[in-house]
Amino acid sequence: MALLLGAVHYMQLEHIDLLVVGLPVATFKQRRWVAALEKKVQGEHQLGNGKRVTIARVKAVAQPTGALMYYGLAYNRVAELRKERRLIVDPGRRTFDWIVSHGMQQVEKRSHSVNRGMFDVLQSISDGISRTTASQYRDYDVIDRALREGKKPVIFQSDYDIAPHLAMALKIPQQAVAEMTRYVGDAADLKNIILVGGAAFFYRKALKAAFPRHMITELKDPIFANVKGFQYAGTAFSKTHHAGVGPELENPEVPHVLPSSAL
């Protein structure tokens, strides 16, 4: 809630008609947590310095749902999305999420998430650094930047080679993808595999190794793919709500990915 309200603070609004928030797929599948989150976020909140915000309505969705909607609209693939099966893979900071969609429906038995996100990668490398430097090194942001930029981080005033720690760190995306294949199989029936998420760059190799016969589509600005999709979804949810259509959106038992009216 602290992080969420911090984000709301930067929106500089006193009233929000609809706030779309994301959940890991495994959590989203437990409908009671969806309802609990929506109830907790809805209402009036104190933001500090006398500022308040009222959130009139909240919609929680599975995190990769945003990327799917963003892909359909930004890449002009709406018509294809309606009739094909796709796998959306979303390695994030804390969780590794994926959904299989058939048209606009999430195939729940093949969709899930595991706690094998980028945080585990950074922690693995920081543990290695701590052992070799006899310290308690925990500057995860420095490691993250080094991995993304392909540069050596400066640790104790010297360039530090993290290459010896990569073998152990790379096991994490391998474990995550291996768990995903237990649900997805060989993906022979899937038209496309879409990779998004802030950790996409580090999980790409493991994903390609698991699905060598598929082309992997990596979205531009993968870090923002979900949130951009949430914006599209929020607009669609608002329109259907005010128009009094799309009752399936109000039924938490219906496993939907997107409202068909949104597209």
Protein backbone atom coordinates (compact mmCIF):
# COMPACT_ATOMS: atom_id res chain seq x y z
CA MET A 1 0.00 0.00 0.00
CA ALA A 2 2.92 2.35 0.67
CA LEU A 3 4.24 1.87 -2.86
CA LEU A 4 0.76 2.11 -4.37
CA LEU A 5 -0.10 5.32 -2.54
CA GLY A 6 3.31 6.71 -3.43
CA ALA A 7 2.46 6.18 -7.08
CA VAL A 8 -0.97 7.74 -6.59
CA HIS A 9 0.71 10.74 -4.95
CA TYR A 10 2.70 11.40 -8.12
CA MET A 11 -0.49 11.33 -10.19
CA GLN A 12 -1.41 14.61 -8.43
CA LEU A 13 -5.12 13.89 -8.42
CA GLU A 14 -7.74 14.27 -5.72
CA HIS A 15 -10.19 11.85 -7.35
CA ILE A 16 -9.62 8.76 -9.49
CA ASP A 17 -12.64 7.26 -11.23
CA LEU A 18 -10.99 3.90 -11.90
CA LEU A 19 -7.61 2.51 -10.87
CA VAL A 20 -6.34 -0.64 -12.60
CA VAL A 21 -3.86 -2.70 -10.56
CA GLY A 22 -2.05 -5.93 -11.35
CA LEU A 23 -1.56 -9.18 -9.47
CA PRO A 24 0.73 -12.15 -10.09
CA VAL A 25 -1.18 -14.79 -12.06
CA ALA A 26 -1.11 -17.35 -9.24
CA THR A 27 -2.64 -14.80 -6.86
CA PHE A 28 -5.17 -13.59 -9.43
CA LYS A 29 -6.46 -17.15 -9.86
CA GLN A 30 -7.48 -17.08 -6.17
CA ARG A 31 -10.50 -14.86 -6.63
CA ARG A 32 -10.81 -13.98 -2.95
CA TRP A 33 -7.49 -12.10 -3.15
CA VAL A 34 -8.72 -10.14 -6.16
CA ALA A 35 -11.80 -9.00 -4.26
CA ALA A 36 -9.75 -8.26 -1.14
CA LEU A 37 -7.29 -6.08 -3.04
CA GLU A 38 -10.00 -4.15 -4.84
CA LYS A 39 -11.79 -3.51 -1.55
CA LYS A 40 -8.59 -2.41 0.19
CA VAL A 41 -7.59 0.08 -2.50
CA GLN A 42 -11.04 1.55 -3.09
CA GLY A 43 -12.00 4.56 -0.98
CA GLU A 44 -10.30 7.60 0.52
CA HIS A 45 -6.60 7.58 1.41
CA GLN A 46 -4.25 9.96 3.20
CA LEU A 47 -1.20 10.92 1.13
CA GLY A 48 0.60 13.10 3.65
CA ASN A 49 0.94 16.87 4.01
CA GLY A 50 -2.82 17.13 4.29
CA LYS A 51 -3.43 15.67 0.83
CA ARG A 52 -6.05 13.01 0.20
CA VAL A 53 -7.23 11.00 -2.75
CA THR A 54 -10.52 9.20 -3.36
CA ILE A 55 -10.41 6.11 -5.58
CA ALA A 56 -13.96 5.46 -6.71
CA ARG A 57 -13.45 2.07 -8.35
CA VAL A 58 -10.67 -0.49 -8.59
CA LYS A 59 -10.10 -3.27 -11.11
CA ALA A 60 -7.45 -5.93 -10.45
CA VAL A 61 -6.17 -7.95 -13.40
CA ALA A 62 -3.46 -10.55 -13.96
CA GLN A 63 -0.25 -8.67 -14.69
CA PRO A 64 0.49 -10.09 -18.19
CA THR A 65 -3.03 -9.13 -19.23
CA GLY A 66 -1.81 -5.58 -19.71
CA ALA A 67 0.93 -6.68 -22.06
CA LEU A 68 -1.52 -8.73 -24.12
CA MET A 69 -3.83 -5.78 -24.59
CA TYR A 70 -0.92 -3.45 -25.35
CA TYR A 71 0.37 -5.92 -27.95
CA GLY A 72 -3.02 -6.16 -29.63
CA LEU A 73 -3.59 -2.42 -29.90
CA ALA A 74 -0.07 -1.05 -30.34
CA TYR A 75 0.98 -3.72 -32.85
CA ASN A 76 -2.35 -3.82 -34.73
CA ARG A 77 -2.96 -7.48 -33.85
CA VAL A 78 -6.49 -7.16 -32.48
CA ALA A 79 -8.14 -9.34 -35.13
CA GLU A 80 -5.54 -12.08 -34.65
CA LEU A 81 -5.90 -12.02 -30.87
CA ARG A 82 -9.58 -12.86 -31.15
CA LYS A 83 -9.01 -16.27 -32.75
CA GLU A 84 -5.52 -17.51 -31.83
CA ARG A 85 -3.70 -18.93 -28.85
CA ARG A 86 -0.70 -17.08 -27.44
CA LEU A 87 1.74 -17.32 -24.58
CA ILE A 88 2.64 -14.09 -22.79
CA VAL A 89 5.74 -14.37 -20.58
CA ASP A 90 6.35 -11.66 -17.99
CA PRO A 91 9.48 -11.91 -15.82
CA GLY A 92 9.24 -9.15 -13.25
CA ARG A 93 11.05 -8.01 -10.13
CA ARG A 94 9.54 -10.55 -7.73
CA THR A 95 7.58 -13.03 -9.82
CA PHE A 96 7.83 -14.82 -13.15
CA ASP A 97 4.34 -14.76 -14.69
CA TRP A 98 2.82 -16.24 -17.80
CA ILE A 99 -0.62 -16.58 -19.32
CA VAL A 100 -1.88 -18.64 -22.23
CA SER A 101 -4.76 -16.91 -23.98
CA HIS A 102 -7.27 -18.39 -26.36
CA GLY A 103 -8.93 -15.50 -28.10
CA MET A 104 -9.83 -13.13 -25.30
CA GLN A 105 -9.95 -15.84 -22.64
CA GLN A 106 -7.20 -16.80 -20.25
CA VAL A 107 -6.59 -20.55 -20.21
CA GLU A 108 -6.28 -20.86 -16.45
CA LYS A 109 -4.92 -24.41 -16.30
CA ARG A 110 -1.94 -23.33 -18.39
CA SER A 111 -1.39 -19.93 -16.77
CA HIS A 112 0.47 -19.34 -13.51
CA SER A 113 3.40 -17.60 -11.80
CA VAL A 114 6.36 -18.56 -9.61
CA ASN A 115 8.62 -16.63 -7.27
CA ARG A 116 11.61 -16.62 -9.60
CA GLY A 117 11.87 -12.96 -10.56
CA MET A 118 14.79 -10.60 -11.12
CA PHE A 119 15.14 -10.03 -7.38
CA ASP A 120 16.30 -13.64 -7.02
CA VAL A 121 18.88 -13.08 -9.77
CA LEU A 122 20.24 -9.96 -8.10
CA GLN A 123 20.29 -11.65 -4.71
CA SER A 124 22.24 -14.59 -6.12
CA ILE A 125 24.88 -12.28 -7.57
CA SER A 126 25.04 -10.15 -4.42
CA ASP A 127 25.60 -13.29 -2.34
CA GLY A 128 28.53 -14.18 -4.60
CA ILE A 129 29.98 -10.69 -4.27
CA SER A 130 29.57 -10.85 -0.49
CA ARG A 131 31.51 -14.13 -0.33
CA THR A 132 34.42 -12.94 -2.45
CA THR A 133 34.69 -9.53 -0.74
CA ALA A 134 33.99 -10.76 2.80
CA SER A 135 31.20 -8.20 3.10
CA GLN A 136 27.41 -7.94 3.16
CA TYR A 137 26.94 -6.42 -0.27
CA ARG A 138 23.30 -5.61 -1.05
CA ASP A 139 23.27 -2.82 -3.64
CA TYR A 140 20.88 -4.55 -6.03
CA ASP A 141 20.36 -1.48 -8.21
CA VAL A 142 24.07 -1.31 -9.03
CA ILE A 143 24.07 -4.99 -10.06
CA ASP A 144 20.91 -4.50 -12.10
CA ARG A 145 22.42 -1.59 -14.04
CA ALA A 146 25.63 -3.55 -14.63
CA LEU A 147 23.69 -6.46 -16.12
CA ARG A 148 21.60 -4.22 -18.37
CA GLU A 149 24.52 -2.11 -19.56
CA GLY A 150 27.08 -4.92 -19.79
CA LYS A 151 29.52 -3.02 -17.59
CA LYS A 152 31.46 -3.88 -14.48
CA PRO A 153 30.01 -2.35 -11.31
CA VAL A 154 32.24 -0.28 -9.07
CA ILE A 155 32.54 -2.02 -5.71
CA PHE A 156 34.96 -0.86 -3.02
CA GLN A 157 36.30 1.74 -5.49
CA SER A 158 37.27 -0.84 -8.12
CA ASP A 159 35.65 -2.37 -11.17
CA TYR A 160 34.25 -5.74 -10.15
CA ASP A 161 33.86 -8.65 -12.56
CA ILE A 162 30.49 -10.30 -11.90
CA ALA A 163 31.01 -12.92 -14.64
CA PRO A 164 31.98 -15.69 -12.16
CA HIS A 165 28.58 -15.31 -10.49
CA LEU A 166 26.48 -15.47 -13.64
CA ALA A 167 26.37 -19.27 -13.94
CA MET A 168 24.51 -19.52 -10.64
CA ALA A 169 22.29 -16.52 -11.45
CA LEU A 170 21.30 -17.95 -14.84
CA LYS A 171 19.85 -21.01 -13.13
CA ILE A 172 16.98 -18.86 -11.87
CA PRO A 173 15.45 -18.08 -15.30
CA GLN A 174 16.12 -21.69 -16.28
CA GLN A 175 14.17 -22.89 -13.24
CA ALA A 176 11.36 -20.43 -13.93
CA VAL A 177 11.00 -21.47 -17.56
CA ALA A 178 11.21 -25.16 -16.64
CA GLU A 179 8.29 -24.69 -14.23
CA MET A 180 6.35 -22.87 -16.93
CA THR A 181 6.79 -25.75 -19.39
CA ARG A 182 5.05 -28.03 -16.88
CA TYR A 183 1.92 -25.97 -17.54
CA VAL A 184 2.43 -24.96 -21.15
CA GLY A 185 4.03 -28.08 -22.62
CA ASP A 186 5.93 -27.75 -25.89
CA ALA A 187 3.66 -24.90 -27.03
CA ALA A 188 2.97 -26.63 -30.35
CA ASP A 189 -0.56 -25.19 -30.42
CA LEU A 190 0.50 -21.61 -29.73
CA LYS A 191 0.66 -19.08 -32.55
CA ASN A 192 3.11 -16.76 -30.85
CA ILE A 193 5.18 -16.29 -27.71
CA ILE A 194 5.38 -12.72 -26.42
CA LEU A 195 8.07 -11.65 -23.95
CA VAL A 196 7.59 -8.58 -21.76
CA GLY A 197 8.60 -7.41 -18.29
CA GLY A 198 11.50 -5.56 -16.75
CA ALA A 199 13.65 -8.69 -16.61
CA ALA A 200 12.97 -9.76 -20.21
CA PHE A 201 16.58 -9.20 -21.23
CA PHE A 202 17.89 -11.69 -18.66
CA TYR A 203 15.24 -14.39 -19.25
CA ARG A 204 15.33 -14.27 -23.07
CA LYS A 205 18.02 -16.95 -23.47
CA ALA A 206 16.28 -19.49 -21.22
CA LEU A 207 12.98 -18.92 -23.01
CA LYS A 208 14.49 -19.42 -26.45
CA ALA A 209 16.24 -22.59 -25.28
CA ALA A 210 12.93 -24.02 -24.05
CA PHE A 211 11.05 -23.19 -27.27
CA PRO A 212 13.61 -23.49 -30.07
CA ARG A 213 10.93 -23.91 -32.77
CA HIS A 214 9.16 -20.66 -31.94
CA MET A 215 9.93 -17.08 -32.75
CA ILE A 216 9.91 -14.98 -29.58
CA THR A 217 8.30 -11.56 -29.95
CA GLU A 218 9.84 -9.11 -27.50
CA LEU A 219 7.82 -5.93 -27.13
CA LYS A 220 9.43 -2.53 -27.24
CA ASP A 221 9.75 -0.91 -23.81
CA PRO A 222 8.93 -4.23 -22.11
CA ILE A 223 9.09 -2.63 -18.66
CA PHE A 224 6.06 -0.45 -19.51
CA ALA A 225 4.05 -2.94 -21.60
CA ASN A 226 1.80 -3.98 -18.71
CA VAL A 227 1.04 -0.51 -17.43
CA LYS A 228 0.29 0.79 -20.94
CA GLY A 229 -2.09 -2.11 -21.37
CA PHE A 230 -3.67 -1.34 -18.01
CA GLN A 231 -4.44 2.14 -19.30
CA TYR A 232 -6.18 0.71 -22.38
CA ALA A 233 -8.04 -1.77 -20.18
CA GLY A 234 -9.09 0.93 -17.74
CA THR A 235 -10.61 3.00 -20.52
CA ALA A 236 -12.46 -0.05 -21.81
CA PHE A 237 -13.69 -1.07 -18.36
CA SER A 238 -14.98 2.46 -17.73
CA LYS A 239 -16.88 2.56 -21.01
CA THR A 240 -18.52 -0.84 -20.48
CA HIS A 241 -19.35 0.01 -16.87
CA HIS A 242 -21.02 3.31 -17.72
CA ALA A 243 -22.79 1.79 -20.70
CA GLY A 244 -24.14 -1.04 -18.56
CA VAL A 245 -22.70 -3.75 -20.83
CA GLY A 246 -20.12 -6.43 -20.36
CA PRO A 247 -21.59 -8.12 -17.25
CA GLU A 248 -18.84 -10.73 -17.41
CA LEU A 249 -16.47 -8.09 -16.08
CA GLU A 250 -18.41 -7.95 -12.86
CA ASN A 251 -18.39 -11.71 -12.36
CA PRO A 252 -15.12 -12.77 -10.68
CA GLU A 253 -15.74 -16.41 -11.57
CA VAL A 254 -15.45 -15.79 -15.32
CA PRO A 255 -11.79 -16.30 -16.36
CA HIS A 256 -11.42 -13.36 -18.73
CA VAL A 257 -8.36 -11.63 -20.10
CA LEU A 258 -9.97 -8.63 -21.75
CA PRO A 259 -13.48 -7.33 -22.27
CA SER A 260 -14.35 -8.08 -25.87
CA SER A 261 -15.94 -4.64 -26.13
CA ALA A 262 -12.52 -3.11 -25.47
CA LEU A 263 -11.35 -4.26 -28.86
